[in-house]
Amino acid sequence: MRLAPYACRADTSRGRAWPEPESGLRSAYQRDRDRIVHSIPFRRLEYKTQVFVNFEGDHYRTRLTHSLEVAQIARALARVLRVDEDLAEAIALAHDLGHSAFGHAGEAALDEALAAFGGFDHNLQTFRIVTRLERRYAAFDGLNLTAETLEGLVKHNGPLTSPPPRPVAEHPLCRDLAFDQQPPLEAQIAAIADDVAYCNHDLDDGLRAGFMSLEELRDVPLVGAALAEVDRLHPGLDANRRTHETIRRLIDLMVRDLIGEAQRRLQALAPESPDAVRAHGRPVVAFSPVVADGLAALREFLRERVYRHYKVNRMSLKARRVVRELVEAFMAAPECLPNGWRERAGPPQSRATAETVRDYIAGMTDRYALDEHDRLFKLNRERP
């Protein structure tokens, strides 16, 4: 595929913090993607909560399956818009590496418990993982990703409106990340593919959990139209197939809308380089107003019927307690941190200890956090 002039190009990348010989088999962005997939934090995503804790059911999404769905949608969008699919995929696969155990409940608990030391932000934690915490390569810490991949991760929620925080500001490529500008098109694609994926799979998981029925979705914009088409074309379909046919039409509707709206904006802007996309005052990849309104209504429905369901609230309550008690224990007694982490910590309640505790707990999977909590607070003869 011939890339459009506004696409990021691997052969003209802004480079890596630590220069490396180019590969004769893979582009720079393909190497980024492969390093992410082979990293330990990526494997941990299999046991990190999306909405439902991993042990609640084998078929609910995890952070790993969510990231794979985001990457698939991102590649589809990138292909049609003629930008670099590998860069869009790399950003999509890495965007949730910094999430803590237990989903947003765990993140909120970690943020609150460490508020005196800057709190917790999963996007910044992702940056820390790929630039510092993953320690496998002989010549550098992190994954030594290209500037374009790092830019997409830093600007996952759009341009930064304030000076970059310390882990980003201290990075050698800081000047190349154009914080106050829009992300390149590949990063915009990865970010909005995240929205498409989570809205649809959280709806699917909510139906699987029995939090609502398909019939209750008839009055929800976008969903109701997709359901009506399924019933018209396939009357009498069983519940599982009916749900899947509805969700797949909903994803298709959103993706087609994104492509159409992006093409209209690209035609009006006529960018001749990725920098022209960065300098534009608003995103190029976005939903049309009608679909954006429908998506907002769907998000509100999910908020009330899934994210605030009493069963989710109960599990969130437990999760926040586990994370909070882990933070309190290690902040008060950093000597209880395991080898490799204990050496990084400082005195009790110090900033050095807070940063070490943040990195240690944020990297935990759901089950590891529960096991560590048991090891710290349960008295028994079997577990030291």
Foldseek 3Di string as FASTA:
>chain_A
DAAALAADDLVPFPFFLDDDDADPPDGLLLLLQVLLCPFPLLVLQQQADAQDHCVVDPPADTSNVLLVQLLVLLLVLCVLNRYDSSLLNSLSSLQQSQFFHPHPLLQVLQQVLCVVQPGDDSLVSSLCQQQAVGDDDDPHHHVRHTLLSNLLSNQLVFADPDPDDDVLVPRSCNVVNLRRWGRFPSSVSSSVSSLLRCLLSLVVVLVVVVLDALVVCLPQPLLVVLLVVCCVVPPPDDRVVSSVSSSVSSSVVQSVQQNVQLVVLCVVQVDSYNVSCRHDPDHSGDGDPVVVVSSVSSVVVCVVRPCPPVVSVVVSVVSSVLSSVLLVVCLQPVVPDDPPLSVQADHRNDSSSSVSSSSVRSSDRNVRSVVVSCLVPPDDDPHD
